[in-house]
N, C-alpha and C. Protein backbone atom coordinates (compact mmCIF):
# COMPACT_ATOMS: atom_id res chain seq x y z
N MET A 1 37.27 88.26 97.91
CA MET A 1 36.62 87.74 99.10
C MET A 1 35.11 87.67 98.89
N THR A 2 34.53 86.70 99.50
CA THR A 2 33.09 86.51 99.45
C THR A 2 32.44 87.35 100.54
N LYS A 3 31.28 87.92 100.24
CA LYS A 3 30.52 88.65 101.26
C LYS A 3 29.41 87.74 101.77
N VAL A 4 29.19 87.78 103.08
CA VAL A 4 28.13 86.98 103.68
C VAL A 4 27.28 87.86 104.58
N ARG A 5 26.02 87.49 104.73
CA ARG A 5 25.12 88.15 105.67
C ARG A 5 24.87 87.18 106.82
N VAL A 6 25.16 87.62 108.03
CA VAL A 6 24.99 86.81 109.23
C VAL A 6 23.80 87.37 110.00
N THR A 7 22.82 86.51 110.29
CA THR A 7 21.62 86.92 111.01
C THR A 7 21.47 86.07 112.25
N GLN A 8 21.25 86.70 113.40
CA GLN A 8 21.03 85.95 114.63
C GLN A 8 19.61 85.41 114.62
N VAL A 9 19.46 84.10 114.83
CA VAL A 9 18.14 83.47 114.79
C VAL A 9 17.74 82.84 116.12
N ARG A 10 18.69 82.72 117.04
CA ARG A 10 18.38 82.16 118.36
C ARG A 10 18.96 83.04 119.45
N SER A 11 18.38 82.95 120.63
CA SER A 11 18.80 83.77 121.76
C SER A 11 20.08 83.24 122.39
N THR A 12 20.77 84.13 123.10
CA THR A 12 21.99 83.73 123.82
C THR A 12 21.71 83.45 125.29
N ILE A 13 20.45 83.45 125.68
CA ILE A 13 20.10 83.14 127.07
C ILE A 13 20.52 81.71 127.38
N LYS A 14 21.15 81.52 128.53
CA LYS A 14 21.66 80.22 129.00
C LYS A 14 22.75 79.65 128.10
N LYS A 15 23.47 80.50 127.40
CA LYS A 15 24.61 80.07 126.58
C LYS A 15 25.89 80.49 127.29
N PRO A 16 27.01 79.82 127.03
CA PRO A 16 28.27 80.18 127.67
C PRO A 16 28.69 81.61 127.35
N GLN A 17 29.46 82.20 128.26
CA GLN A 17 29.89 83.59 128.11
C GLN A 17 30.69 83.81 126.83
N LYS A 18 31.50 82.84 126.41
CA LYS A 18 32.29 82.99 125.19
C LYS A 18 31.40 83.14 123.97
N GLN A 19 30.28 82.40 123.93
CA GLN A 19 29.36 82.52 122.80
C GLN A 19 28.66 83.87 122.82
N LYS A 20 28.30 84.37 123.99
CA LYS A 20 27.68 85.70 124.10
C LYS A 20 28.64 86.78 123.60
N LEU A 21 29.91 86.67 123.97
CA LEU A 21 30.90 87.65 123.54
C LEU A 21 31.16 87.57 122.04
N THR A 22 31.10 86.37 121.48
CA THR A 22 31.29 86.21 120.04
C THR A 22 30.14 86.86 119.28
N ILE A 23 28.92 86.64 119.75
CA ILE A 23 27.75 87.28 119.14
C ILE A 23 27.90 88.80 119.22
N GLN A 24 28.35 89.31 120.36
CA GLN A 24 28.54 90.75 120.52
C GLN A 24 29.61 91.28 119.57
N SER A 25 30.69 90.53 119.42
CA SER A 25 31.78 90.99 118.55
C SER A 25 31.39 90.96 117.08
N LEU A 26 30.41 90.13 116.73
CA LEU A 26 29.88 90.13 115.37
C LEU A 26 28.90 91.29 115.15
N GLY A 27 28.58 92.02 116.20
CA GLY A 27 27.67 93.15 116.06
C GLY A 27 26.22 92.77 116.12
N LEU A 28 25.95 91.57 116.64
CA LEU A 28 24.57 91.11 116.76
C LEU A 28 24.14 91.31 118.21
N GLY A 29 23.16 90.59 118.69
CA GLY A 29 22.75 90.72 120.08
C GLY A 29 21.26 90.60 120.26
N LYS A 30 20.51 90.80 119.20
CA LYS A 30 19.07 90.62 119.25
C LYS A 30 18.67 89.72 118.09
N ILE A 31 17.62 88.97 118.28
CA ILE A 31 17.16 88.06 117.24
C ILE A 31 16.73 88.87 116.02
N ASN A 32 17.04 88.36 114.85
CA ASN A 32 16.76 88.96 113.53
C ASN A 32 17.64 90.15 113.20
N ARG A 33 18.66 90.43 113.98
CA ARG A 33 19.61 91.48 113.63
C ARG A 33 20.63 90.89 112.66
N SER A 34 20.96 91.63 111.60
CA SER A 34 21.87 91.13 110.56
C SER A 34 23.04 92.06 110.38
N ARG A 35 24.16 91.49 109.94
CA ARG A 35 25.35 92.25 109.57
C ARG A 35 25.95 91.58 108.35
N GLU A 36 26.64 92.38 107.52
CA GLU A 36 27.33 91.85 106.36
C GLU A 36 28.83 91.93 106.59
N PHE A 37 29.55 90.88 106.19
CA PHE A 37 30.99 90.79 106.40
C PHE A 37 31.66 90.25 105.15
N GLU A 38 32.94 90.64 104.98
CA GLU A 38 33.82 89.94 104.06
C GLU A 38 34.20 88.64 104.77
N LEU A 39 34.18 87.53 104.06
CA LEU A 39 34.42 86.23 104.68
C LEU A 39 35.93 85.99 104.84
N THR A 40 36.49 86.50 105.93
CA THR A 40 37.90 86.28 106.25
C THR A 40 37.99 85.06 107.17
N PRO A 41 39.18 84.51 107.36
CA PRO A 41 39.31 83.37 108.27
C PRO A 41 38.86 83.69 109.70
N GLN A 42 39.07 84.93 110.14
CA GLN A 42 38.67 85.32 111.49
C GLN A 42 37.15 85.32 111.63
N ILE A 43 36.46 85.89 110.66
CA ILE A 43 35.00 85.93 110.68
C ILE A 43 34.44 84.52 110.55
N GLN A 44 35.04 83.69 109.69
CA GLN A 44 34.58 82.31 109.53
C GLN A 44 34.70 81.54 110.83
N GLY A 45 35.78 81.76 111.58
CA GLY A 45 35.95 81.09 112.86
C GLY A 45 34.90 81.51 113.87
N MET A 46 34.57 82.80 113.89
CA MET A 46 33.54 83.27 114.82
C MET A 46 32.17 82.70 114.44
N ILE A 47 31.90 82.65 113.14
CA ILE A 47 30.62 82.07 112.69
C ILE A 47 30.54 80.60 113.08
N ASN A 48 31.65 79.87 112.93
CA ASN A 48 31.66 78.45 113.30
C ASN A 48 31.38 78.25 114.78
N LYS A 49 31.87 79.14 115.63
CA LYS A 49 31.67 79.02 117.08
C LYS A 49 30.22 79.16 117.48
N VAL A 50 29.46 79.98 116.75
CA VAL A 50 28.06 80.25 117.11
C VAL A 50 27.12 79.84 115.97
N SER A 51 27.49 78.83 115.21
CA SER A 51 26.71 78.44 114.04
C SER A 51 25.29 77.99 114.40
N HIS A 52 25.09 77.53 115.64
CA HIS A 52 23.77 77.09 116.07
C HIS A 52 22.88 78.27 116.46
N LEU A 53 23.44 79.48 116.53
CA LEU A 53 22.68 80.67 116.90
C LEU A 53 22.43 81.60 115.73
N VAL A 54 23.12 81.39 114.61
CA VAL A 54 23.02 82.32 113.49
C VAL A 54 22.73 81.57 112.19
N SER A 55 22.22 82.32 111.21
CA SER A 55 22.11 81.79 109.86
C SER A 55 23.02 82.63 108.97
N VAL A 56 23.61 81.99 107.96
CA VAL A 56 24.57 82.64 107.09
C VAL A 56 24.13 82.46 105.66
N GLU A 57 24.15 83.56 104.89
CA GLU A 57 23.82 83.45 103.47
C GLU A 57 24.82 84.28 102.67
N GLU A 58 25.19 83.78 101.50
CA GLU A 58 26.11 84.51 100.63
C GLU A 58 25.37 85.62 99.92
N ILE A 59 26.09 86.71 99.70
CA ILE A 59 25.48 87.84 99.00
C ILE A 59 26.05 87.89 97.59
């Protein structure tokens, strides 16, 4: 599996509740907060849902 670092780069203010919950479930919530994940299909789906709020880089 590939490892990726997900960093929140935009705020969730005025975003739909589902996107806020997805950001929370990724362990983010504040701008510039990062987490590392194994790139599973579930994580990839969550990243795709909030791709406009986060940046993703391979490790």
